[in-house]
Protein backbone atom coordinates (compact mmCIF):
# COMPACT_ATOMS: atom_id res chain seq x y z
CA UNK A 1 -70.54 -25.34 9.01
CA UNK A 2 -68.41 -28.49 9.28
CA UNK A 3 -70.39 -31.58 10.13
CA UNK A 4 -73.69 -30.08 9.03
CA UNK A 5 -76.24 -32.81 9.58
CA UNK A 6 -79.39 -31.37 8.06
CA UNK A 7 -81.60 -34.01 6.48
CA UNK A 8 -84.37 -33.98 3.93
CA UNK A 9 -87.25 -36.11 5.16
CA UNK A 10 -90.18 -37.20 3.01
CA UNK A 11 -93.31 -37.10 5.10
CA UNK A 12 -96.34 -39.12 4.07
CA UNK A 13 -99.59 -37.74 5.39
CA UNK A 14 -101.63 -39.95 7.63
CA UNK A 15 -105.32 -39.98 6.81
CA UNK A 16 -107.44 -38.47 9.53
CA UNK A 17 -109.41 -41.02 11.47
CA UNK A 18 -106.84 -43.84 11.15
CA UNK A 19 -105.26 -45.17 14.35
CA UNK A 20 -105.37 -43.75 17.87
CA UNK A 21 -105.88 -40.11 18.63
CA UNK A 22 -103.14 -38.13 20.39
CA UNK A 23 -104.19 -36.02 23.39
CA UNK A 24 -102.56 -33.04 21.66
CA UNK A 25 -105.03 -33.31 18.80
CA UNK A 26 -107.91 -33.00 21.26
CA UNK A 27 -106.59 -29.58 22.36
CA UNK A 28 -108.87 -26.79 21.09
CA UNK A 29 -107.40 -25.16 17.97
CA UNK A 30 -106.19 -21.58 18.03
CA UNK A 31 -108.66 -18.93 16.98
CA UNK A 32 -108.98 -17.10 14.71
CA UNK A 33 -108.23 -19.98 12.38
CA UNK A 34 -105.32 -19.36 9.98
CA UNK A 35 -105.57 -20.90 6.51
CA UNK A 36 -103.58 -20.68 3.26
CA UNK A 37 -105.07 -21.11 -0.18
CA UNK A 38 -102.65 -23.07 -2.36
CA UNK A 39 -103.06 -24.10 -5.98
CA UNK A 40 -104.44 -27.57 -5.28
CA UNK A 41 -105.24 -27.55 -1.57
CA UNK A 42 -106.06 -25.46 1.46
CA UNK A 43 -103.71 -25.63 4.45
CA UNK A 44 -105.08 -24.97 7.94
CA UNK A 45 -102.52 -24.15 10.61
CA UNK A 46 -102.99 -26.42 13.64
CA UNK A 47 -100.36 -24.97 15.95
CA UNK A 48 -101.19 -26.98 19.12
CA UNK A 49 -100.69 -30.24 17.18
CA UNK A 50 -97.55 -29.03 15.29
CA UNK A 51 -99.06 -29.80 11.92
CA UNK A 52 -100.83 -28.49 8.85
CA UNK A 53 -104.20 -29.97 7.97
CA UNK A 54 -104.53 -30.14 4.17
CA UNK A 55 -107.96 -30.01 2.55
CA UNK A 56 -108.40 -31.21 -1.03
CA UNK A 57 -111.60 -31.34 -3.07
CA UNK A 58 -112.82 -34.06 -5.38
CA UNK A 59 -115.85 -34.70 -7.61
CA UNK A 60 -119.24 -33.87 -6.15
CA UNK A 61 -117.51 -31.45 -3.72
CA UNK A 62 -116.24 -34.24 -1.52
CA UNK A 63 -113.57 -33.09 0.92
CA UNK A 64 -110.44 -35.06 1.82
CA UNK A 65 -108.58 -34.12 4.99
CA UNK A 66 -104.98 -35.15 5.67
CA UNK A 67 -102.25 -34.02 8.03
CA UNK A 68 -98.65 -32.93 7.44
CA UNK A 69 -96.58 -32.94 10.63
CA UNK A 70 -94.02 -30.15 10.97
CA UNK A 71 -91.45 -29.22 13.61
CA UNK A 72 -92.41 -28.33 17.17
CA UNK A 73 -93.61 -24.78 17.92
CA UNK A 74 -94.62 -23.20 14.60
CA UNK A 75 -93.44 -19.56 14.50
CA UNK A 76 -94.06 -18.50 10.89
CA UNK A 77 -95.44 -19.65 7.54
CA UNK A 78 -95.26 -18.15 4.03
CA UNK A 79 -96.99 -19.31 0.83
CA UNK A 80 -95.50 -18.66 -2.61
CA UNK A 81 -97.57 -16.22 -4.69
CA UNK A 82 -98.54 -18.94 -7.19
CA UNK A 83 -99.68 -21.28 -4.40
CA UNK A 84 -97.26 -24.02 -5.42
CA UNK A 85 -95.55 -24.27 -2.03
CA UNK A 86 -96.04 -23.40 1.62
CA UNK A 87 -93.02 -22.95 3.88
CA UNK A 88 -93.43 -23.45 7.63
CA UNK A 89 -90.76 -22.36 10.12
CA UNK A 90 -90.66 -24.14 13.50
CA UNK A 91 -88.64 -23.19 16.57
CA UNK A 92 -88.11 -26.77 17.78
CA UNK A 93 -87.96 -27.86 21.41
CA UNK A 94 -85.27 -27.79 24.10
CA UNK A 95 -85.91 -30.51 26.64
CA UNK A 96 -85.67 -29.65 30.33
CA UNK A 97 -84.78 -32.13 33.08
CA UNK A 98 -87.42 -34.83 33.20
CA UNK A 99 -89.02 -33.56 29.99
CA UNK A 100 -91.00 -36.29 28.22
CA UNK A 101 -90.46 -34.56 24.88
CA UNK A 102 -87.04 -35.02 23.24
CA UNK A 103 -84.86 -32.22 21.91
CA UNK A 104 -85.76 -30.98 18.45
CA UNK A 105 -83.77 -28.49 16.37
CA UNK A 106 -85.35 -25.55 14.53
CA UNK A 107 -86.63 -26.68 11.14
CA UNK A 108 -88.13 -25.46 7.88
CA UNK A 109 -90.80 -27.59 6.21
CA UNK A 110 -91.55 -27.13 2.50
CA UNK A 111 -95.02 -28.40 1.56
CA UNK A 112 -96.11 -28.99 -2.02
CA UNK A 113 -99.39 -27.13 -2.37
CA UNK A 114 -100.18 -28.27 -5.91
CA UNK A 115 -100.88 -31.91 -5.12
CA UNK A 116 -104.54 -32.88 -5.15
CA UNK A 117 -104.42 -36.63 -5.68
CA UNK A 118 -102.38 -38.53 -6.56
CA UNK A 119 -101.57 -39.03 -2.92
CA UNK A 120 -99.69 -39.22 -0.66
CA UNK A 121 -99.12 -35.55 -0.05
CA UNK A 122 -95.43 -34.97 0.49
CA UNK A 123 -93.35 -32.41 2.36
CA UNK A 124 -89.63 -31.90 2.93
CA UNK A 125 -88.46 -31.05 6.44
CA UNK A 126 -85.05 -29.37 6.70
CA UNK A 127 -83.19 -29.63 10.00
CA UNK A 128 -81.51 -26.28 10.75
CA UNK A 129 -79.72 -27.37 13.93
CA UNK A 130 -76.26 -26.98 12.40
CA UNK A 131 -76.72 -23.25 11.85
CA UNK A 132 -79.26 -22.40 14.57
CA UNK A 133 -79.20 -23.16 18.28
CA UNK A 134 -81.83 -20.57 19.21
CA UNK A 135 -84.73 -20.11 16.78
CA UNK A 136 -85.36 -17.19 14.43
CA UNK A 137 -88.96 -16.16 13.81
CA UNK A 138 -88.63 -14.07 10.63
CA UNK A 139 -89.11 -15.80 7.26
CA UNK A 140 -88.72 -14.19 3.81
CA UNK A 141 -89.17 -16.28 0.67
CA UNK A 142 -88.13 -15.52 -2.91
CA UNK A 143 -91.34 -15.25 -4.99
CA UNK A 144 -89.87 -17.80 -7.42
CA UNK A 145 -89.28 -20.29 -4.60
CA UNK A 146 -85.49 -20.37 -5.05
CA UNK A 147 -84.33 -18.99 -1.68
CA UNK A 148 -85.65 -18.64 1.85
CA UNK A 149 -84.05 -16.33 4.42
CA UNK A 150 -84.52 -16.66 8.18
CA UNK A 151 -83.94 -13.64 10.40
CA UNK A 152 -84.94 -12.18 13.76
CA UNK A 153 -88.57 -11.18 13.31
CA UNK A 154 -90.08 -8.21 15.11
CA UNK A 155 -93.62 -9.40 15.77
CA UNK A 156 -92.96 -12.64 17.65
CA UNK A 157 -91.05 -13.47 20.86
CA UNK A 158 -87.46 -14.48 20.16
CA UNK A 159 -84.58 -15.94 22.12
CA UNK A 160 -83.39 -14.44 25.41
CA UNK A 161 -80.45 -12.87 23.51
CA UNK A 162 -80.42 -12.68 19.72
CA UNK A 163 -78.37 -11.01 17.02
CA UNK A 164 -80.85 -9.12 14.80
CA UNK A 165 -78.29 -8.98 11.97
CA UNK A 166 -77.91 -12.76 11.71
CA UNK A 167 -79.37 -14.30 8.55
CA UNK A 168 -79.72 -17.94 7.53
CA UNK A 169 -79.96 -18.37 3.75
CA UNK A 170 -81.45 -21.59 2.37
CA UNK A 171 -81.18 -22.48 -1.33
CA UNK A 172 -84.37 -24.46 -1.85
CA UNK A 173 -83.21 -25.78 -5.25
CA UNK A 174 -80.08 -27.52 -3.91
CA UNK A 175 -79.58 -30.48 -1.62
CA UNK A 176 -78.89 -29.79 2.03
CA UNK A 177 -75.18 -30.14 2.72
CA UNK A 178 -72.01 -28.50 3.90
CA UNK A 179 -72.70 -25.16 2.18
CA UNK A 180 -76.48 -25.06 2.33
CA UNK A 181 -77.91 -23.39 4.41
CA UNK A 182 -75.39 -20.57 4.94
CA UNK A 183 -75.29 -18.44 8.08
CA UNK A 184 -74.40 -14.81 7.37
CA UNK A 185 -74.06 -11.96 9.87
CA UNK A 186 -74.44 -8.48 8.45
CA UNK A 187 -71.86 -5.86 9.37
CA UNK A 188 -73.95 -3.51 11.46
CA UNK A 189 -73.58 0.22 12.02
CA UNK A 190 -76.25 0.19 14.69
CA UNK A 191 -79.31 -0.81 12.62
CA UNK A 192 -81.35 -3.98 12.33
CA UNK A 193 -83.19 -5.42 9.28
CA UNK A 194 -86.80 -4.31 8.87
CA UNK A 195 -87.50 -5.42 5.27
CA UNK A 196 -85.93 -7.93 2.85
CA UNK A 197 -86.41 -7.81 -0.94
CA UNK A 198 -85.32 -10.41 -3.51
CA UNK A 199 -84.33 -8.92 -6.86
CA UNK A 200 -84.77 -10.68 -10.21
CA UNK A 201 -81.59 -11.74 -12.02
CA UNK A 202 -79.53 -8.61 -12.72
CA UNK A 203 -76.85 -8.32 -15.40
CA UNK A 204 -73.95 -7.15 -13.22
CA UNK A 205 -70.19 -6.90 -14.01
CA UNK A 206 -69.45 -10.38 -12.55
CA UNK A 207 -72.43 -11.91 -14.44
CA UNK A 208 -76.09 -12.61 -13.71
CA UNK A 209 -76.76 -12.24 -10.00
CA UNK A 210 -79.76 -12.28 -7.68
CA UNK A 211 -79.42 -9.80 -4.83
CA UNK A 212 -80.99 -9.72 -1.41
CA UNK A 213 -81.64 -6.07 -0.54
CA UNK A 214 -81.77 -5.61 3.23
CA UNK A 215 -83.34 -2.41 4.53
CA UNK A 216 -82.43 -1.66 8.14
CA UNK A 217 -83.73 1.26 10.15
CA UNK A 218 -80.83 3.42 8.93
CA UNK A 219 -79.08 1.90 5.89
CA UNK A 220 -79.40 -0.50 2.94
CA UNK A 221 -77.24 -3.58 2.26
CA UNK A 222 -76.78 -5.65 -0.91
CA UNK A 223 -75.96 -9.36 -0.60
CA UNK A 224 -75.32 -11.78 -3.48
CA UNK A 225 -77.60 -14.80 -3.05
CA UNK A 226 -75.47 -16.97 -5.36
CA UNK A 227 -72.44 -16.19 -3.15
CA UNK A 228 -73.84 -15.52 0.34
CA UNK A 229 -70.44 -15.92 1.98
CA UNK A 230 -69.22 -12.80 0.12
CA UNK A 231 -69.41 -9.73 2.40
CA UNK A 232 -72.40 -7.54 1.66
CA UNK A 233 -72.17 -3.93 0.47
CA UNK A 234 -73.74 -1.46 2.92
CA UNK A 235 -74.87 2.01 1.84
CA UNK A 236 -75.34 4.48 4.75
CA UNK A 237 -78.29 6.80 4.24
CA UNK A 238 -77.08 9.54 6.57
CA UNK A 239 -74.04 11.72 5.94
CA UNK A 240 -71.25 12.13 8.46
CA UNK A 241 -72.37 15.64 9.47
CA UNK A 242 -76.09 14.79 9.70
CA UNK A 243 -77.40 13.84 13.14
CA UNK A 244 -80.70 12.50 11.75
CA UNK A 245 -81.33 8.80 11.27
CA UNK A 246 -82.81 8.49 7.77
CA UNK A 247 -85.00 5.42 7.40
CA UNK A 248 -85.64 3.58 4.12
CA UNK A 249 -89.32 3.10 3.30
CA UNK A 250 -89.10 0.87 0.21
CA UNK A 251 -86.96 0.01 -2.81
CA UNK A 252 -87.43 -0.60 -6.54
CA UNK A 253 -85.05 -2.31 -8.97
CA UNK A 254 -84.31 -1.91 -12.70
CA UNK A 255 -81.85 -3.98 -14.74
CA UNK A 256 -81.35 -1.28 -17.40
CA UNK A 257 -80.26 -2.26 -20.88
CA UNK A 258 -80.17 -6.09 -21.08
CA UNK A 259 -76.97 -5.85 -23.16
CA UNK A 260 -75.17 -3.72 -20.56
CA UNK A 261 -73.75 -4.98 -17.27
CA UNK A 262 -73.11 -1.64 -15.56
CA UNK A 263 -76.48 0.11 -15.54
CA UNK A 264 -78.59 -1.90 -13.08
CA UNK A 265 -80.13 0.49 -10.54
CA UNK A 266 -81.83 0.41 -7.17
CA UNK A 267 -84.15 3.25 -6.13
CA UNK A 268 -84.76 4.03 -2.45
CA UNK A 269 -87.42 6.24 -0.91
CA UNK A 270 -87.09 7.52 2.64
CA UNK A 271 -89.65 7.55 5.41
CA UNK A 272 -88.51 10.83 6.94
CA UNK A 273 -86.86 12.85 4.20
CA UNK A 274 -87.77 14.58 0.92
CA UNK A 275 -84.97 12.88 -1.02
CA UNK A 276 -84.91 9.78 -3.19
CA UNK A 277 -81.72 7.80 -3.69
CA UNK A 278 -80.56 5.87 -6.76
CA UNK A 279 -77.76 3.32 -6.67
CA UNK A 280 -76.11 2.46 -10.00
CA UNK A 281 -74.24 -0.85 -9.78
CA UNK A 282 -70.96 -0.45 -11.68
CA UNK A 283 -67.79 -2.51 -12.06
CA UNK A 284 -65.30 -2.50 -9.21
CA UNK A 285 -62.46 -4.55 -7.79
CA UNK A 286 -63.09 -6.71 -4.74
CA UNK A 287 -65.13 -9.74 -3.85
CA UNK A 288 -68.45 -8.49 -5.19
CA UNK A 289 -67.11 -7.26 -8.53
CA UNK A 290 -69.40 -4.20 -8.42
CA UNK A 291 -70.08 -1.15 -6.30
CA UNK A 292 -73.01 1.28 -6.03
CA UNK A 293 -72.67 4.87 -7.19
CA UNK A 294 -74.99 6.96 -5.02
CA UNK A 295 -77.20 9.77 -6.34
CA UNK A 296 -79.39 11.83 -3.97
CA UNK A 297 -82.26 14.02 -5.23
CA UNK A 298 -84.74 16.28 -3.42
CA UNK A 299 -88.28 15.77 -4.81
CA UNK A 300 -89.96 18.52 -2.80
CA UNK A 301 -91.81 16.35 -0.30
CA UNK A 302 -91.77 12.93 1.34
CA UNK A 303 -92.53 10.40 -1.46
CA UNK A 304 -95.21 7.79 -0.88
CA UNK A 305 -94.26 5.48 -3.78
CA UNK A 306 -91.54 5.19 -6.42
CA UNK A 307 -90.95 3.26 -9.65
CA UNK A 308 -88.41 3.14 -12.45
CA UNK A 309 -90.20 4.17 -15.64
CA UNK A 310 -89.27 4.52 -19.29
CA UNK A 311 -90.25 7.90 -20.72
CA UNK A 312 -89.81 9.73 -24.01
CA UNK A 313 -86.73 11.27 -22.36
CA UNK A 314 -85.21 7.97 -21.19
CA UNK A 315 -85.15 6.06 -17.91
CA UNK A 316 -86.43 7.99 -14.90
CA UNK A 317 -87.18 7.33 -11.26
CA UNK A 318 -90.78 8.43 -10.70
CA UNK A 319 -91.80 9.57 -7.22
CA UNK A 320 -95.33 10.35 -6.02
CA UNK A 321 -95.38 13.32 -3.63
CA UNK A 322 -98.90 13.56 -2.15
CA UNK A 323 -97.96 16.58 -0.04
CA UNK A 324 -97.73 18.65 -3.23
CA UNK A 325 -100.25 16.63 -5.31
CA UNK A 326 -97.52 15.97 -7.84
CA UNK A 327 -95.26 13.38 -9.34
CA UNK A 328 -91.55 14.02 -9.88
CA UNK A 329 -89.41 12.40 -12.56
CA UNK A 330 -85.73 12.11 -11.61
CA UNK A 331 -82.96 11.57 -14.16
CA UNK A 332 -80.78 8.99 -12.37
CA UNK A 333 -77.63 10.26 -14.14
CA UNK A 334 -77.96 14.02 -13.70
CA UNK A 335 -80.49 14.32 -10.82
CA UNK A 336 -82.45 16.81 -12.95
CA UNK A 337 -86.16 16.69 -12.11
CA UNK A 338 -89.45 17.24 -13.94
CA UNK A 339 -92.52 17.95 -11.81
CA UNK A 340 -95.95 16.83 -13.03
CA UNK A 341 -99.03 18.33 -11.39
CA UNK A 342 -101.64 15.71 -10.53
CA UNK A 343 -105.40 16.23 -10.13
CA UNK A 344 -105.29 14.60 -6.67
CA UNK A 345 -102.82 13.55 -4.00
CA UNK A 346 -102.29 10.00 -5.26
CA UNK A 347 -100.17 7.82 -2.97
CA UNK A 348 -99.77 4.58 -4.92
CA UNK A 349 -98.57 3.66 -8.40
CA UNK A 350 -98.67 0.46 -10.47
CA UNK A 351 -97.10 0.01 -13.92
CA UNK A 352 -99.60 -1.40 -16.44
CA UNK A 353 -97.42 -1.13 -19.56
CA UNK A 354 -97.57 -4.85 -20.24
CA UNK A 355 -101.31 -4.55 -20.83
CA UNK A 356 -101.88 -1.14 -22.33
CA UNK A 357 -99.85 1.60 -24.03
CA UNK A 358 -100.53 5.33 -24.00
CA UNK A 359 -103.21 5.17 -26.72
CA UNK A 360 -105.16 2.32 -25.17
CA UNK A 361 -103.82 -0.38 -27.51
CA UNK A 362 -101.94 -3.42 -26.32
CA UNK A 363 -98.24 -2.77 -25.78
CA UNK A 364 -96.16 -4.22 -28.60
CA UNK A 365 -92.50 -3.31 -28.06
CA UNK A 366 -90.42 -3.46 -24.89
CA UNK A 367 -88.62 -0.27 -25.99
CA UNK A 368 -91.80 1.83 -25.70
CA UNK A 369 -92.59 4.16 -22.81
CA UNK A 370 -94.47 3.17 -19.68
CA UNK A 371 -98.03 3.75 -18.50
CA UNK A 372 -98.70 3.95 -14.75
CA UNK A 373 -101.95 3.56 -12.84
CA UNK A 374 -102.24 6.07 -9.97
CA UNK A 375 -104.59 5.36 -7.07
CA UNK A 376 -105.36 5.72 -3.37
CA UNK A 377 -106.06 9.44 -3.72
CA UNK A 378 -107.09 11.91 -1.08
CA UNK A 379 -109.14 14.98 -1.86
CA UNK A 380 -112.09 15.63 -4.14
CA UNK A 381 -111.00 13.31 -6.94
CA UNK A 382 -111.44 9.82 -5.49
CA UNK A 383 -110.83 7.85 -8.67
CA UNK A 384 -107.75 6.54 -10.41
CA UNK A 385 -105.60 8.06 -13.13
CA UNK A 386 -103.55 6.81 -16.05
CA UNK A 387 -100.16 8.49 -16.35
CA UNK A 388 -98.64 8.24 -19.84
CA UNK A 389 -94.85 8.54 -19.63
CA UNK A 390 -94.56 9.33 -23.35
CA UNK A 391 -95.49 12.99 -22.91
CA UNK A 392 -93.05 14.14 -20.26
CA UNK A 393 -90.67 16.33 -22.27
CA UNK A 394 -93.15 18.83 -23.76
CA UNK A 395 -96.37 19.38 -21.82
CA UNK A 396 -96.33 16.83 -18.98
CA UNK A 397 -99.74 17.92 -17.64
CA UNK A 398 -101.29 16.40 -20.77
CA UNK A 399 -100.03 12.97 -19.72
CA UNK A 400 -102.75 12.43 -17.06
CA UNK A 401 -106.16 10.88 -17.80
CA UNK A 402 -108.49 10.38 -14.85
CA UNK A 403 -111.28 7.86 -14.23
CA UNK A 404 -113.65 9.37 -11.66
CA UNK A 405 -115.10 7.06 -9.00
CA UNK A 406 -117.47 7.70 -6.12
CA UNK A 407 -114.95 6.67 -3.48
CA UNK A 408 -111.24 6.35 -2.83
CA UNK A 409 -109.43 3.17 -3.90
CA UNK A 410 -107.71 1.28 -1.11
CA UNK A 411 -106.17 -1.62 -3.05
CA UNK A 412 -105.65 -2.79 -6.63
CA UNK A 413 -105.86 -6.53 -7.30
CA UNK A 414 -104.26 -8.09 -10.38
CA UNK A 415 -106.29 -10.43 -12.59
CA UNK A 416 -104.54 -13.38 -14.30
CA UNK A 417 -105.03 -14.40 -17.95
CA UNK A 418 -107.27 -14.46 -19.87
CA UNK A 419 -108.51 -11.21 -18.33
CA UNK A 420 -105.18 -9.62 -17.46
CA UNK A 421 -106.38 -6.32 -18.93
CA UNK A 422 -108.67 -5.97 -15.92
CA UNK A 423 -107.94 -4.80 -12.38
CA UNK A 424 -110.19 -5.14 -9.34
CA UNK A 425 -110.31 -1.93 -7.32
CA UNK A 426 -111.10 -2.35 -3.65
CA UNK A 427 -112.83 0.81 -2.39
CA UNK A 428 -113.24 2.31 1.07
CA UNK A 429 -117.04 2.38 1.02
CA UNK A 430 -119.82 0.00 -0.02
CA UNK A 431 -118.48 -0.73 -3.50
CA UNK A 432 -115.70 -2.22 -5.56
CA UNK A 433 -114.88 -1.71 -9.23
CA UNK A 434 -113.70 -3.74 -12.20
CA UNK A 435 -111.33 -1.48 -14.15
CA UNK A 436 -110.69 -2.17 -17.85
CA UNK A 437 -107.19 -0.92 -18.64
CA UNK A 438 -107.73 -0.88 -22.40
CA UNK A 439 -111.05 0.98 -22.53
CA UNK A 440 -110.22 2.90 -19.33
CA UNK A 441 -113.66 2.33 -17.86
CA UNK A 442 -114.64 1.18 -14.37
CA UNK A 443 -117.74 -0.93 -13.66
CA UNK A 444 -119.06 -0.41 -10.10
CA UNK A 445 -120.30 -3.31 -7.96
CA UNK A 446 -122.28 -2.15 -4.91
CA UNK A 447 -122.19 -4.07 -1.64
CA UNK A 448 -124.36 -4.05 1.47
CA UNK A 449 -121.32 -4.14 3.79
CA UNK A 450 -118.12 -2.08 3.44
CA UNK A 451 -115.90 -4.57 5.31
CA UNK A 452 -115.13 -6.70 2.29
CA UNK A 453 -112.40 -9.26 1.77
CA UNK A 454 -111.67 -10.16 -1.85
CA UNK A 455 -110.00 -13.08 -3.62
CA UNK A 456 -109.36 -13.14 -7.38
CA UNK A 457 -109.57 -16.58 -8.98
CA UNK A 458 -106.27 -18.01 -10.24
CA UNK A 459 -108.08 -18.70 -13.52
CA UNK A 460 -108.88 -15.00 -13.98
CA UNK A 461 -112.59 -15.75 -14.38
CA UNK A 462 -114.13 -14.35 -11.19
CA UNK A 463 -113.59 -12.42 -7.98
CA UNK A 464 -114.93 -13.76 -4.69
CA UNK A 465 -116.13 -11.28 -2.06
CA UNK A 466 -117.12 -11.97 1.53
CA UNK A 467 -117.25 -10.30 4.93
CA UNK A 468 -115.02 -12.02 7.52
CA UNK A 469 -117.31 -13.30 10.24
CA UNK A 470 -120.39 -12.88 8.04
CA UNK A 471 -122.52 -15.39 6.18
CA UNK A 472 -122.39 -13.89 2.69
CA UNK A 473 -120.24 -14.90 -0.29
CA UNK A 474 -120.58 -13.54 -3.81
CA UNK A 475 -118.93 -14.50 -7.09
CA UNK A 476 -118.61 -11.79 -9.75
CA UNK A 477 -117.91 -12.88 -13.32
CA UNK A 478 -115.08 -10.62 -14.49
CA UNK A 479 -116.07 -10.86 -18.17
CA UNK A 480 -119.77 -9.99 -17.77
CA UNK A 481 -119.59 -8.21 -14.37
CA UNK A 482 -122.56 -10.36 -13.27
CA UNK A 483 -122.59 -11.03 -9.49
CA UNK A 484 -124.07 -14.16 -7.95
CA UNK A 485 -124.53 -14.73 -4.23
CA UNK A 486 -123.93 -18.09 -2.58
CA UNK A 487 -125.70 -19.46 0.47
CA UNK A 488 -123.60 -20.43 3.48
CA UNK A 489 -124.91 -21.61 6.80
CA UNK A 490 -122.07 -20.60 9.13
CA UNK A 491 -119.85 -17.50 9.51
CA UNK A 492 -116.99 -17.43 7.01
CA UNK A 493 -113.38 -16.82 8.06
CA UNK A 494 -111.72 -17.20 4.64
CA UNK A 495 -112.43 -18.42 1.11
CA UNK A 496 -110.03 -20.19 -1.24
CA UNK A 497 -110.55 -21.38 -4.82
CA UNK A 498 -108.42 -24.43 -5.68
CA UNK A 499 -108.05 -27.02 -8.43
CA UNK A 500 -110.00 -30.24 -7.90
CA UNK A 501 -108.45 -33.63 -8.40
CA UNK A 502 -110.68 -34.30 -11.44
CA UNK A 503 -109.67 -31.08 -13.23
CA UNK A 504 -112.59 -28.97 -11.98
CA UNK A 505 -112.48 -26.06 -9.56
CA UNK A 506 -113.73 -25.88 -5.98
CA UNK A 507 -114.40 -23.01 -3.60
CA UNK A 508 -113.64 -23.88 0.01
CA UNK A 509 -115.09 -21.53 2.63
CA UNK A 510 -113.46 -21.95 6.06
CA UNK A 511 -115.60 -21.62 9.20
CA UNK A 512 -113.87 -20.74 12.46
CA UNK A 513 -116.80 -20.36 14.85
CA UNK A 514 -118.48 -23.21 16.69
CA UNK A 515 -115.72 -25.61 15.71
CA UNK A 516 -113.58 -25.62 12.57
CA UNK A 517 -115.51 -26.54 9.43
CA UNK A 518 -115.69 -25.90 5.69
CA UNK A 519 -118.30 -25.49 2.98
CA UNK A 520 -117.32 -26.69 -0.49
CA UNK A 521 -118.92 -25.33 -3.70
CA UNK A 522 -118.37 -26.07 -7.35
CA UNK A 523 -116.48 -22.89 -8.27
CA UNK A 524 -117.40 -23.04 -11.96
CA UNK A 525 -121.18 -23.48 -11.72
CA UNK A 526 -121.41 -21.31 -8.56
CA UNK A 527 -124.59 -23.20 -7.71
CA UNK A 528 -125.98 -23.34 -4.18
CA UNK A 529 -127.14 -26.90 -4.83
CA UNK A 530 -123.53 -28.07 -5.16
CA UNK A 531 -122.53 -27.03 -1.65
CA UNK A 532 -121.50 -29.49 1.04
CA UNK A 533 -120.89 -28.51 4.65
CA UNK A 534 -118.23 -30.39 6.60
CA UNK A 535 -117.81 -30.00 10.35
CA UNK A 536 -115.43 -31.40 12.95
CA UNK A 537 -112.21 -30.58 11.12
CA UNK A 538 -108.95 -30.68 13.13
CA UNK A 539 -110.42 -33.11 15.66
CA UNK A 540 -108.47 -36.15 14.43
CA UNK A 541 -111.72 -38.00 14.04
CA UNK A 542 -114.06 -38.58 11.15
CA UNK A 543 -115.44 -35.22 10.09
CA UNK A 544 -119.12 -34.90 9.45
CA UNK A 545 -120.50 -34.24 5.96
CA UNK A 546 -123.56 -32.28 7.03
CA UNK A 547 -125.34 -32.13 3.67
């Protein structure tokens, strides 16, 4: 790492239409168009021009277009869940003999997605040449925007020879320097990373720590993000006498008692085995200051989802086992199990304790038991179910309350405040539902096309529905359940609701057929008369307001 020369560069966007036009910008854009809805802007990926085109909305639905250059050869991009930032990973360029383009190292560009005038839009480009000679295509980002991890991705072409266990860890809150980023190579027992999970701060024996949990195709590793140079702890999933290769299928994390530093746990479900695994992180000598104690429990079938839950009997690891239409509660200390028969083979589970308790009232104490929403069922009962974890010790079958629906639920979308007690249920047929967690009722909304895409407003006021490639958009008021259709004149690729520069809200519908364009609506009034159609985006010329 000596002599690390990474630099932070402030990039000011050049307004489209100013100056000469590069030949690159006349290259047809890639289709289908890829866009990212951020909190105050929409970013359109313009890979041939090595840039992001940022769209911001102003009063009277006027659209401002500006460009953020990034490194050569974009290989990945990830937006933070709150839309505050967009991270773009670029492979760079290695010049051949006689190449007119100079060498460029791999880079990571962090774009502020909240800015919607004042301008200029700004981005920070981080040169990764000191830790990377060949590019990595995988990019995982901490949901809080603290860390980014680069690794060898599986879906994109990589270098001629690459080490799949090489990670590059970037602390996005610290200046670039001698110890940031940090290159770390995992000790491998033959596996390669397939999934990376960032934990919240855990109270561990050496203090508060954030862990990076790396699932490979045969084991799980724990790496301290505050001290990435410390060797990771690897937990093999297969015993020495077992010839099978057990594969992790997902993890969950619980910090335990906030006053205790030796009861943080990690739960692991397996893709090809009936067991679930719990790791209790307890004090130990050595560089990490903790070690995992492993507990293995057979739950009677391959679990489809797991969660740590608080019950009337204490902390348990809950596993859904659709093969037996049951849920199994595992005591992480004793491995004793309690089986709960379910009315259907539910495959997914979401905790809703922060909104509702077992009797339908708002949760008041963090020491109370949990309530889980069960969904994505197969069989005759296509609805959802509430599972109250306060009735597990006596008659657990009484803990299930179903909400019958006409179709299976494929996805559950969260709704922000002020309507956080609602969930939007995406169904498999021509309908979706607005579920009220407190009254435990579901309002159906029927659709003329089953191929819906859905976006919940960041304000929690409405859900937008559209059919990719179609010409229909609808806004459904989540308080009144009243739907309102909007007129669009061109096929829609994506919709994004963002904050306007004057404090209002705008809906930007992206068009990716017949040239890249956008239609802008006032998202609050949802009035057809407010719409403006803009064509000729990404052409580096003056776009055309076609209203």
